[in-house]
Protein backbone atom coordinates (compact mmCIF):
# COMPACT_ATOMS: atom_id res chain seq x y z
CA UNK A 1 -100.53 -42.24 79.57
CA UNK A 2 -96.52 -42.58 78.06
CA UNK A 3 -94.22 -39.85 79.19
CA UNK A 4 -92.31 -37.97 76.31
CA UNK A 5 -89.01 -39.28 75.55
CA UNK A 6 -85.84 -37.53 75.59
CA UNK A 7 -83.58 -36.78 72.44
CA UNK A 8 -80.12 -37.35 72.79
CA UNK A 9 -78.12 -34.09 73.00
CA UNK A 10 -75.56 -33.09 70.46
CA UNK A 11 -72.66 -34.06 72.62
CA UNK A 12 -74.05 -37.59 73.07
CA UNK A 13 -74.81 -38.18 69.49
CA UNK A 14 -70.71 -36.84 68.46
CA UNK A 15 -68.90 -39.21 71.38
CA UNK A 16 -71.28 -42.17 70.00
CA UNK A 17 -70.37 -41.84 66.35
CA UNK A 18 -66.65 -41.49 67.45
CA UNK A 19 -67.05 -44.63 69.59
CA UNK A 20 -68.48 -46.56 66.42
CA UNK A 21 -65.68 -45.09 64.06
CA UNK A 22 -63.12 -46.94 66.62
CA UNK A 23 -63.17 -50.41 65.16
CA UNK A 24 -62.48 -48.86 61.61
CA UNK A 25 -59.38 -47.22 62.80
CA UNK A 26 -58.13 -50.26 64.59
CA UNK A 27 -58.44 -52.72 61.47
CA UNK A 28 -55.66 -53.52 59.21
CA UNK A 29 -55.03 -51.92 55.79
CA UNK A 30 -56.39 -53.71 53.07
CA UNK A 31 -54.01 -56.70 51.85
CA UNK A 32 -51.92 -55.36 48.81
CA UNK A 33 -52.55 -58.34 47.07
CA UNK A 34 -56.29 -58.42 47.48
CA UNK A 35 -57.16 -56.70 44.23
CA UNK A 36 -55.88 -56.82 40.63
CA UNK A 37 -52.29 -57.30 40.60
CA UNK A 38 -50.23 -54.48 38.46
CA UNK A 39 -49.25 -56.31 35.21
CA UNK A 40 -45.51 -56.21 34.07
CA UNK A 41 -46.49 -55.57 30.19
CA UNK A 42 -49.14 -52.64 29.84
CA UNK A 43 -51.19 -54.47 27.40
CA UNK A 44 -51.89 -57.65 29.62
CA UNK A 45 -55.02 -58.54 31.71
CA UNK A 46 -53.77 -59.87 34.92
CA UNK A 47 -55.16 -63.79 35.05
CA UNK A 48 -52.83 -65.43 38.30
CA UNK A 49 -51.83 -68.78 38.01
CA UNK A 50 -52.35 -70.30 41.69
CA UNK A 51 -49.35 -70.05 43.75
CA UNK A 52 -48.79 -73.58 43.78
CA UNK A 53 -47.88 -73.61 39.94
CA UNK A 54 -45.09 -71.22 40.27
CA UNK A 55 -41.95 -70.56 42.33
CA UNK A 56 -41.75 -67.03 44.48
CA UNK A 57 -38.76 -65.11 43.42
CA UNK A 58 -37.05 -61.60 42.82
CA UNK A 59 -35.65 -62.05 39.40
CA UNK A 60 -33.53 -60.67 37.83
CA UNK A 61 -31.58 -60.45 41.26
CA UNK A 62 -31.94 -63.98 42.73
CA UNK A 63 -32.02 -65.40 38.96
CA UNK A 64 -30.70 -63.71 35.52
CA UNK A 65 -33.41 -63.78 33.01
CA UNK A 66 -32.22 -64.53 29.27
CA UNK A 67 -34.31 -66.32 27.54
CA UNK A 68 -38.00 -66.14 26.44
CA UNK A 69 -39.40 -69.79 25.66
CA UNK A 70 -42.65 -69.78 22.84
CA UNK A 71 -45.32 -72.45 23.77
CA UNK A 72 -48.51 -73.62 21.67
CA UNK A 73 -51.25 -74.49 24.35
CA UNK A 74 -52.87 -77.37 22.74
CA UNK A 75 -56.02 -76.19 24.25
CA UNK A 76 -57.88 -73.01 24.23
CA UNK A 77 -57.00 -69.87 25.91
CA UNK A 78 -59.49 -70.16 28.60
CA UNK A 79 -58.62 -74.10 29.06
CA UNK A 80 -55.03 -73.40 29.32
CA UNK A 81 -55.96 -70.12 32.35
CA UNK A 82 -58.14 -72.56 33.81
CA UNK A 83 -55.30 -75.13 33.83
CA UNK A 84 -52.67 -72.64 35.72
CA UNK A 85 -55.34 -71.84 38.22
CA UNK A 86 -55.70 -75.81 39.17
CA UNK A 87 -52.76 -76.81 41.74
CA UNK A 88 -53.14 -80.41 40.73
CA UNK A 89 -52.00 -79.45 37.27
CA UNK A 90 -48.10 -78.35 38.45
CA UNK A 91 -47.73 -76.14 35.37
CA UNK A 92 -47.38 -72.30 34.50
CA UNK A 93 -46.56 -69.76 32.25
CA UNK A 94 -45.96 -66.00 32.95
CA UNK A 95 -48.27 -65.12 29.54
CA UNK A 96 -50.89 -66.70 27.25
CA UNK A 97 -51.58 -65.12 23.61
CA UNK A 98 -55.28 -65.36 22.51
CA UNK A 99 -56.00 -66.56 18.80
CA UNK A 100 -58.78 -64.39 17.40
CA UNK A 101 -57.46 -61.01 18.71
CA UNK A 102 -53.79 -61.25 20.17
CA UNK A 103 -55.07 -60.34 23.60
CA UNK A 104 -52.37 -61.02 26.35
CA UNK A 105 -53.25 -62.30 29.97
CA UNK A 106 -50.58 -62.74 32.20
CA UNK A 107 -50.35 -65.80 34.77
CA UNK A 108 -47.19 -65.36 36.55
CA UNK A 109 -45.40 -61.88 37.48
CA UNK A 110 -42.04 -61.73 35.58
CA UNK A 111 -40.08 -61.70 39.09
CA UNK A 112 -41.09 -65.02 39.66
CA UNK A 113 -40.80 -68.45 38.18
CA UNK A 114 -43.53 -69.74 35.63
CA UNK A 115 -43.14 -73.64 35.23
CA UNK A 116 -43.21 -73.76 31.90
CA UNK A 117 -39.81 -75.35 30.30
CA UNK A 118 -39.47 -78.88 31.79
CA UNK A 119 -36.16 -77.70 32.96
CA UNK A 120 -35.55 -76.28 36.09
CA UNK A 121 -32.61 -74.31 34.87
CA UNK A 122 -34.31 -73.00 31.75
CA UNK A 123 -37.60 -71.87 33.95
CA UNK A 124 -35.59 -69.89 36.13
CA UNK A 125 -34.03 -67.59 33.52
CA UNK A 126 -36.47 -67.51 31.16
CA UNK A 127 -39.99 -65.55 30.43
CA UNK A 128 -42.74 -68.30 29.13
CA UNK A 129 -45.19 -67.24 26.62
CA UNK A 130 -48.20 -69.59 25.68
CA UNK A 131 -50.15 -69.07 22.41
CA UNK A 132 -53.69 -70.28 22.21
CA UNK A 133 -54.13 -73.31 19.14
CA UNK A 134 -52.42 -76.60 18.24
CA UNK A 135 -49.17 -77.45 16.75
CA UNK A 136 -50.90 -78.96 13.50
CA UNK A 137 -53.91 -76.84 12.87
CA UNK A 138 -51.92 -73.51 11.52
CA UNK A 139 -55.36 -71.53 11.19
CA UNK A 140 -54.81 -70.67 15.30
CA UNK A 141 -51.54 -68.52 14.13
CA UNK A 142 -53.12 -65.63 12.92
CA UNK A 143 -51.59 -62.55 12.07
CA UNK A 144 -53.39 -61.00 15.48
CA UNK A 145 -51.65 -63.56 17.32
CA UNK A 146 -48.37 -63.21 15.96
CA UNK A 147 -48.59 -59.22 16.55
CA UNK A 148 -49.38 -59.18 19.66
CA UNK A 149 -46.97 -61.99 21.06
CA UNK A 150 -44.09 -60.32 19.29
CA UNK A 151 -45.08 -56.76 20.67
CA UNK A 152 -45.13 -58.76 24.03
CA UNK A 153 -41.78 -60.68 23.19
CA UNK A 154 -39.94 -57.24 22.16
CA UNK A 155 -41.05 -55.49 25.33
CA UNK A 156 -40.25 -58.65 27.56
CA UNK A 157 -36.32 -58.26 25.89
CA UNK A 158 -36.52 -54.74 26.27
CA UNK A 159 -36.88 -54.92 29.86
CA UNK A 160 -34.36 -57.96 30.72
CA UNK A 161 -31.77 -56.59 28.20
CA UNK A 162 -32.42 -60.14 25.96
CA UNK A 163 -31.46 -59.89 22.72
CA UNK A 164 -33.98 -60.10 20.02
CA UNK A 165 -32.65 -63.49 18.19
CA UNK A 166 -33.45 -66.83 17.85
CA UNK A 167 -30.42 -67.66 20.38
CA UNK A 168 -32.60 -65.87 22.70
CA UNK A 169 -36.11 -66.48 21.84
CA UNK A 170 -36.56 -70.18 21.37
CA UNK A 171 -38.85 -72.57 20.83
CA UNK A 172 -40.15 -75.22 23.66
CA UNK A 173 -38.71 -77.73 21.68
CA UNK A 174 -35.58 -76.50 21.81
CA UNK A 175 -35.39 -76.69 25.75
CA UNK A 176 -32.46 -79.25 26.70
CA UNK A 177 -34.33 -82.63 27.69
CA UNK A 178 -38.09 -81.86 26.90
CA UNK A 179 -40.31 -83.86 25.32
CA UNK A 180 -41.75 -80.95 23.64
CA UNK A 181 -42.41 -80.39 19.91
CA UNK A 182 -43.90 -76.90 20.17
CA UNK A 183 -44.55 -74.20 18.70
CA UNK A 184 -43.84 -76.73 15.47
CA UNK A 185 -43.64 -76.89 12.12
CA UNK A 186 -46.59 -74.31 11.41
CA UNK A 187 -44.67 -71.76 13.41
CA UNK A 188 -43.39 -69.29 11.23
CA UNK A 189 -40.11 -68.22 12.81
CA UNK A 190 -39.25 -65.93 9.99
CA UNK A 191 -41.81 -63.71 10.29
CA UNK A 192 -42.43 -63.87 14.14
CA UNK A 193 -38.72 -62.48 14.30
CA UNK A 194 -39.17 -59.66 11.88
CA UNK A 195 -42.35 -58.79 13.70
CA UNK A 196 -40.44 -59.04 17.39
CA UNK A 197 -37.37 -57.03 15.61
CA UNK A 198 -39.73 -54.21 14.14
CA UNK A 199 -41.90 -53.86 17.59
């Protein structure tokens, strides 16, 4: 015949629970960057570029920010995000704006340096904004893209005290030493600057 098992007392249960909790108390707090990052532009979605494609900084303390550089991806939005996440590509931008709806993805913190201009000095002092599409396909330059980008650019200008003018909001083709032509002849600068001014 089996002996009757004695049940543990209340004190023993409480001691066991306390010992079980000890390892969790000793664990470090969750890393600050483990979850989604807080974006600089409230309407953006965080889609981080790999750290291998950007330079950590503390702008504007380490480098003044006085320009916005307008780019065109020459590919689809999703592909551009994939390129920025590939450490072999050595390229990134702070933001990508989608054609169909003006949705904004942030890929690099504004305080960090994105590798977008092809000119180190301009990289250190600018915010790079990519726009989904091709320079020779104006259908990608939708009203939603212009409006979403203009709101973003106006917000960046306000945060850094950048004048909302063509001397400070430039095309990639205007960066010294570049061989790029974006945003190209189909980009409507007059329309864009009016939207930036009104945003």
